[in-house]
Amino acid sequence: MTEIREYRDSDAGSWLRCRLLSFFSTEYFDDVVVERPAFENPAHRLVAVDGDIVVGLMDVEIFPDRATIAVLAIHPDHQRRGLATRLLDAVLPRLSVDVLDAWTRGDAAANDWYRRSGFAEEFRYLHVYKTWQDEGVVPPEGVDRVVTAFMHAPISAEAAMRERFGRVHVCRQYVRKL
């Protein structure tokens, strides 16, 4: 039976593997971290464990006016078994704010889960990646050329960004009133 509990320092390696493998087949495939990110604000850090192995994780950072799901990841071998919902159900009673939000890209399963879980899409913008193959980014003074860049753009510029750059993602904010 998979247990939902607070993250422990001894979970670090397993937490990283779970996050990496769960992101690998999504539009966040290159959002690789080599250590668990710290938060400036209070946070709830939950894990789903099978024995001592992290198979799911949810970190929720608490701000004065809202809480934000900073990361939600389910190991590919454990997806579609209700773990994301169990993690959400475990964190909701711990929240003392009126709004929970989350940001995601175009992964159909993630977007469907947020909608099924009572979230509504509230805002969109673009994540635009410039690679060495893409033209049209002016380097700052003192830089010969921009090889790689990660940029934000308004959703209204989607067609133009897709025409100029090979990798463009719609980033969606989902909000759930509590």
C-alpha atoms as a PDB file:
ATOM      1  CA  MET A   1       0.000   0.000   0.000  1.00  0.00           C
ATOM      2  CA  THR A   2       1.300   3.430  -0.921  1.00  0.00           C
ATOM      3  CA  GLU A   3       1.570   5.798   2.044  1.00  0.00           C
ATOM      4  CA  ILE A   4       1.181   9.599   1.868  1.00  0.00           C
ATOM      5  CA  ARG A   5       3.441  11.371   4.365  1.00  0.00           C
ATOM      6  CA  GLU A   6       5.687  14.367   4.927  1.00  0.00           C
ATOM      7  CA  TYR A   7       8.965  14.479   3.015  1.00  0.00           C
ATOM      8  CA  ARG A   8      12.058  13.380   4.977  1.00  0.00           C
ATOM      9  CA  ASP A   9      15.676  14.268   4.229  1.00  0.00           C
ATOM     10  CA  SER A  10      16.326  10.564   3.618  1.00  0.00           C
ATOM     11  CA  ASP A  11      13.884  10.780   0.644  1.00  0.00           C
ATOM     12  CA  ALA A  12      16.187  13.129  -1.321  1.00  0.00           C
ATOM     13  CA  GLY A  13      17.589  10.694  -3.913  1.00  0.00           C
ATOM     14  CA  SER A  14      14.290   8.920  -4.444  1.00  0.00           C
ATOM     15  CA  TRP A  15      12.476  12.279  -4.667  1.00  0.00           C
ATOM     16  CA  LEU A  16      14.840  13.445  -7.421  1.00  0.00           C
ATOM     17  CA  ARG A  17      14.463  10.192  -9.402  1.00  0.00           C
ATOM     18  CA  CYS A  18      10.674  10.339  -9.170  1.00  0.00           C
ATOM     19  CA  ARG A  19      10.587  13.970 -10.338  1.00  0.00           C
ATOM     20  CA  LEU A  20      12.996  13.352 -13.205  1.00  0.00           C
ATOM     21  CA  LEU A  21      11.228  10.232 -14.491  1.00  0.00           C
ATOM     22  CA  SER A  22       7.765  11.760 -14.189  1.00  0.00           C
ATOM     23  CA  PHE A  23       8.800  14.876 -16.148  1.00  0.00           C
ATOM     24  CA  PHE A  24      10.740  12.961 -18.818  1.00  0.00           C
ATOM     25  CA  SER A  25       7.756  12.302 -21.118  1.00  0.00           C
ATOM     26  CA  THR A  26       6.206  15.761 -20.676  1.00  0.00           C
ATOM     27  CA  GLU A  27       6.879  19.254 -22.028  1.00  0.00           C
ATOM     28  CA  TYR A  28       8.950  19.798 -18.856  1.00  0.00           C
ATOM     29  CA  PHE A  29      11.440  17.092 -19.930  1.00  0.00           C
ATOM     30  CA  ASP A  30      14.432  19.391 -19.461  1.00  0.00           C
ATOM     31  CA  ASP A  31      13.382  20.913 -16.132  1.00  0.00           C
ATOM     32  CA  VAL A  32      16.084  18.922 -14.364  1.00  0.00           C
ATOM     33  CA  VAL A  33      17.150  19.704 -10.811  1.00  0.00           C
ATOM     34  CA  VAL A  34      20.061  18.096  -9.020  1.00  0.00           C
ATOM     35  CA  GLU A  35      18.795  18.881  -5.551  1.00  0.00           C
ATOM     36  CA  ARG A  36      15.427  19.485  -4.041  1.00  0.00           C
ATOM     37  CA  PRO A  37      14.538  23.202  -4.348  1.00  0.00           C
ATOM     38  CA  ALA A  38      14.125  25.230  -1.167  1.00  0.00           C
ATOM     39  CA  PHE A  39      11.272  27.670  -0.666  1.00  0.00           C
ATOM     40  CA  GLU A  40      11.394  31.240   0.605  1.00  0.00           C
ATOM     41  CA  ASN A  41       7.966  30.804   2.181  1.00  0.00           C
ATOM     42  CA  PRO A  42       6.433  28.079   4.337  1.00  0.00           C
ATOM     43  CA  ALA A  43       5.585  24.954   2.355  1.00  0.00           C
ATOM     44  CA  HIS A  44       3.940  21.563   2.634  1.00  0.00           C
ATOM     45  CA  ARG A  45       6.130  18.828   1.176  1.00  0.00           C
ATOM     46  CA  LEU A  46       4.285  15.570   0.751  1.00  0.00           C
ATOM     47  CA  VAL A  47       5.425  12.306  -0.776  1.00  0.00           C
ATOM     48  CA  ALA A  48       3.720   9.081  -1.759  1.00  0.00           C
ATOM     49  CA  VAL A  49       5.997   6.202  -0.843  1.00  0.00           C
ATOM     50  CA  ASP A  50       5.977   2.538  -1.729  1.00  0.00           C
ATOM     51  CA  GLY A  51       8.168   1.112   1.014  1.00  0.00           C
ATOM     52  CA  ASP A  52      11.052   3.576   1.127  1.00  0.00           C
ATOM     53  CA  ILE A  53      10.765   4.646  -2.522  1.00  0.00           C
ATOM     54  CA  VAL A  54       9.130   7.963  -3.450  1.00  0.00           C
ATOM     55  CA  VAL A  55       6.610   7.287  -6.216  1.00  0.00           C
ATOM     56  CA  GLY A  56       4.773  10.610  -6.019  1.00  0.00           C
ATOM     57  CA  LEU A  57       5.398  14.080  -4.650  1.00  0.00           C
ATOM     58  CA  MET A  58       3.645  17.366  -4.129  1.00  0.00           C
ATOM     59  CA  ASP A  59       5.277  20.550  -2.842  1.00  0.00           C
ATOM     60  CA  VAL A  60       2.932  23.430  -2.069  1.00  0.00           C
ATOM     61  CA  GLU A  61       4.384  26.849  -1.239  1.00  0.00           C
ATOM     62  CA  ILE A  62       2.273  29.105   0.983  1.00  0.00           C
ATOM     63  CA  PHE A  63       1.992  32.822   0.201  1.00  0.00           C
ATOM     64  CA  PRO A  64      -0.083  35.362   2.165  1.00  0.00           C
ATOM     65  CA  ASP A  65      -2.887  35.372  -0.436  1.00  0.00           C
ATOM     66  CA  ARG A  66      -2.672  31.862  -1.924  1.00  0.00           C
ATOM     67  CA  ALA A  67      -0.897  28.544  -2.042  1.00  0.00           C
ATOM     68  CA  THR A  68       0.866  27.299  -5.175  1.00  0.00           C
ATOM     69  CA  ILE A  69       1.563  23.733  -6.196  1.00  0.00           C
ATOM     70  CA  ALA A  70       5.273  24.161  -6.928  1.00  0.00           C
ATOM     71  CA  VAL A  71       5.705  20.593  -8.128  1.00  0.00           C
ATOM     72  CA  LEU A  72       3.438  17.608  -8.592  1.00  0.00           C
ATOM     73  CA  ALA A  73       5.032  14.469  -9.989  1.00  0.00           C
ATOM     74  CA  ILE A  74       4.021  10.818 -10.139  1.00  0.00           C
ATOM     75  CA  HIS A  75       6.527   8.132 -11.165  1.00  0.00           C
ATOM     76  CA  PRO A  76       5.504   6.719 -14.590  1.00  0.00           C
ATOM     77  CA  ASP A  77       5.099   3.205 -13.153  1.00  0.00           C
ATOM     78  CA  HIS A  78       2.547   4.543 -10.644  1.00  0.00           C
ATOM     79  CA  GLN A  79       0.526   6.976 -12.768  1.00  0.00           C
ATOM     80  CA  ARG A  80      -3.237   6.703 -13.191  1.00  0.00           C
ATOM     81  CA  ARG A  81      -3.677   5.069  -9.792  1.00  0.00           C
ATOM     82  CA  GLY A  82      -5.083   8.100  -7.968  1.00  0.00           C
ATOM     83  CA  LEU A  83      -1.844   9.195  -6.277  1.00  0.00           C
ATOM     84  CA  ALA A  84      -2.072  12.821  -7.440  1.00  0.00           C
ATOM     85  CA  THR A  85      -5.595  13.010  -6.039  1.00  0.00           C
ATOM     86  CA  ARG A  86      -4.491  11.417  -2.766  1.00  0.00           C
ATOM     87  CA  LEU A  87      -1.662  13.947  -2.463  1.00  0.00           C
ATOM     88  CA  LEU A  88      -4.073  16.806  -3.169  1.00  0.00           C
ATOM     89  CA  ASP A  89      -6.594  15.454  -0.647  1.00  0.00           C
ATOM     90  CA  ALA A  90      -3.818  15.252   1.958  1.00  0.00           C
ATOM     91  CA  VAL A  91      -2.612  18.816   1.441  1.00  0.00           C
ATOM     92  CA  LEU A  92      -5.994  20.605   1.235  1.00  0.00           C
ATOM     93  CA  PRO A  93      -6.829  20.393   4.976  1.00  0.00           C
ATOM     94  CA  ARG A  94      -3.395  21.858   5.779  1.00  0.00           C
ATOM     95  CA  LEU A  95      -4.027  25.040   3.773  1.00  0.00           C
ATOM     96  CA  SER A  96      -5.267  28.195   5.490  1.00  0.00           C
ATOM     97  CA  VAL A  97      -5.676  30.304   2.335  1.00  0.00           C
ATOM     98  CA  ASP A  98      -8.649  30.746   0.009  1.00  0.00           C
ATOM     99  CA  VAL A  99      -6.919  29.922  -3.279  1.00  0.00           C
ATOM    100  CA  LEU A 100      -4.701  27.110  -4.531  1.00  0.00           C
ATOM    101  CA  ASP A 101      -3.071  27.551  -7.909  1.00  0.00           C
ATOM    102  CA  ALA A 102      -0.738  25.597 -10.169  1.00  0.00           C
ATOM    103  CA  TRP A 103       1.080  26.124 -13.448  1.00  0.00           C
ATOM    104  CA  THR A 104       1.443  23.533 -16.173  1.00  0.00           C
ATOM    105  CA  ARG A 105       2.030  23.263 -19.888  1.00  0.00           C
ATOM    106  CA  GLY A 106       0.339  21.194 -22.604  1.00  0.00           C
ATOM    107  CA  ASP A 107       0.423  17.699 -21.101  1.00  0.00           C
ATOM    108  CA  ALA A 108      -3.129  16.448 -21.691  1.00  0.00           C
ATOM    109  CA  ALA A 109      -3.207  14.177 -18.633  1.00  0.00           C
ATOM    110  CA  ALA A 110      -2.066  16.983 -16.313  1.00  0.00           C
ATOM    111  CA  ASN A 111      -4.541  19.492 -17.738  1.00  0.00           C
ATOM    112  CA  ASP A 112      -7.383  16.967 -17.499  1.00  0.00           C
ATOM    113  CA  TRP A 113      -6.448  16.141 -13.891  1.00  0.00           C
ATOM    114  CA  TYR A 114      -6.495  19.797 -12.837  1.00  0.00           C
ATOM    115  CA  ARG A 115      -9.931  20.319 -14.399  1.00  0.00           C
ATOM    116  CA  ARG A 116     -11.298  17.116 -12.827  1.00  0.00           C
ATOM    117  CA  SER A 117      -9.861  18.194  -9.477  1.00  0.00           C
ATOM    118  CA  GLY A 118     -11.854  21.423  -9.313  1.00  0.00           C
ATOM    119  CA  PHE A 119      -9.333  23.818 -10.841  1.00  0.00           C
ATOM    120  CA  ALA A 120     -10.256  26.303 -13.566  1.00  0.00           C
ATOM    121  CA  GLU A 121      -7.819  27.733 -16.072  1.00  0.00           C
ATOM    122  CA  GLU A 122      -7.364  31.417 -15.301  1.00  0.00           C
ATOM    123  CA  PHE A 123      -4.360  32.655 -17.259  1.00  0.00           C
ATOM    124  CA  ARG A 124      -2.062  31.672 -20.151  1.00  0.00           C
ATOM    125  CA  TYR A 125       1.254  32.898 -21.462  1.00  0.00           C
ATOM    126  CA  LEU A 126       4.084  31.391 -23.513  1.00  0.00           C
ATOM    127  CA  HIS A 127       7.328  29.690 -22.612  1.00  0.00           C
ATOM    128  CA  VAL A 128       9.632  30.239 -25.588  1.00  0.00           C
ATOM    129  CA  TYR A 129      12.981  28.532 -26.046  1.00  0.00           C
ATOM    130  CA  LYS A 130      15.637  29.872 -28.387  1.00  0.00           C
ATOM    131  CA  THR A 131      18.212  27.307 -29.451  1.00  0.00           C
ATOM    132  CA  TRP A 132      21.344  27.767 -31.527  1.00  0.00           C
ATOM    133  CA  GLN A 133      19.226  26.907 -34.588  1.00  0.00           C
ATOM    134  CA  ASP A 134      16.767  29.766 -34.037  1.00  0.00           C
ATOM    135  CA  GLU A 135      17.528  33.244 -35.340  1.00  0.00           C
ATOM    136  CA  GLY A 136      16.276  36.596 -34.202  1.00  0.00           C
ATOM    137  CA  VAL A 137      17.380  37.147 -30.616  1.00  0.00           C
ATOM    138  CA  VAL A 138      19.561  40.210 -30.146  1.00  0.00           C
ATOM    139  CA  PRO A 139      22.330  39.521 -27.626  1.00  0.00           C
ATOM    140  CA  PRO A 140      23.030  42.010 -24.868  1.00  0.00           C
ATOM    141  CA  GLU A 141      26.086  44.224 -25.180  1.00  0.00           C
ATOM    142  CA  GLY A 142      29.296  42.259 -24.665  1.00  0.00           C
ATOM    143  CA  VAL A 143      27.778  38.929 -25.773  1.00  0.00           C
ATOM    144  CA  ASP A 144      28.721  37.551 -29.201  1.00  0.00           C
ATOM    145  CA  ARG A 145      25.541  35.526 -29.718  1.00  0.00           C
ATOM    146  CA  VAL A 146      22.713  33.924 -27.783  1.00  0.00           C
ATOM    147  CA  VAL A 147      23.006  30.130 -28.023  1.00  0.00           C
ATOM    148  CA  THR A 148      20.140  29.165 -25.708  1.00  0.00           C
ATOM    149  CA  ALA A 149      17.500  31.286 -24.020  1.00  0.00           C
ATOM    150  CA  PHE A 150      14.277  30.740 -22.102  1.00  0.00           C
ATOM    151  CA  MET A 151      11.782  33.566 -22.545  1.00  0.00           C
ATOM    152  CA  HIS A 152       8.215  34.521 -21.645  1.00  0.00           C
ATOM    153  CA  ALA A 153       5.831  36.006 -24.196  1.00  0.00           C
ATOM    154  CA  PRO A 154       2.152  36.982 -24.164  1.00  0.00           C
ATOM    155  CA  ILE A 155      -0.319  34.428 -25.472  1.00  0.00           C
ATOM    156  CA  SER A 156      -1.338  36.946 -28.144  1.00  0.00           C
ATOM    157  CA  ALA A 157       2.093  36.443 -29.753  1.00  0.00           C
ATOM    158  CA  GLU A 158       1.708  32.661 -30.080  1.00  0.00           C
ATOM    159  CA  ALA A 159       1.553  32.476 -33.888  1.00  0.00           C
ATOM    160  CA  ALA A 160       4.557  34.771 -34.314  1.00  0.00           C
ATOM    161  CA  MET A 161       6.585  32.898 -31.679  1.00  0.00           C
ATOM    162  CA  ARG A 162       5.800  29.523 -33.253  1.00  0.00           C
ATOM    163  CA  GLU A 163       6.897  30.897 -36.621  1.00  0.00           C
ATOM    164  CA  ARG A 164      10.248  32.106 -35.232  1.00  0.00           C
ATOM    165  CA  PHE A 165      11.126  29.466 -32.646  1.00  0.00           C
ATOM    166  CA  GLY A 166      11.101  25.692 -32.723  1.00  0.00           C
ATOM    167  CA  ARG A 167      10.017  25.193 -29.124  1.00  0.00           C
ATOM    168  CA  VAL A 168       7.063  27.139 -27.757  1.00  0.00           C
ATOM    169  CA  HIS A 169       4.794  25.972 -24.930  1.00  0.00           C
ATOM    170  CA  VAL A 170       1.568  27.413 -23.590  1.00  0.00           C
ATOM    171  CA  CYS A 171       1.909  27.781 -19.818  1.00  0.00           C
ATOM    172  CA  ARG A 172      -1.437  27.637 -18.021  1.00  0.00           C
ATOM    173  CA  GLN A 173      -2.365  28.801 -14.546  1.00  0.00           C
ATOM    174  CA  TYR A 174      -5.063  26.729 -12.877  1.00  0.00           C
ATOM    175  CA  VAL A 175      -6.873  28.076  -9.824  1.00  0.00           C
ATOM    176  CA  ARG A 176      -9.057  26.318  -7.291  1.00  0.00           C
ATOM    177  CA  LYS A 177     -11.051  28.329  -4.776  1.00  0.00           C
ATOM    178  CA  LEU A 178     -10.921  26.729  -1.331  1.00  0.00           C
END
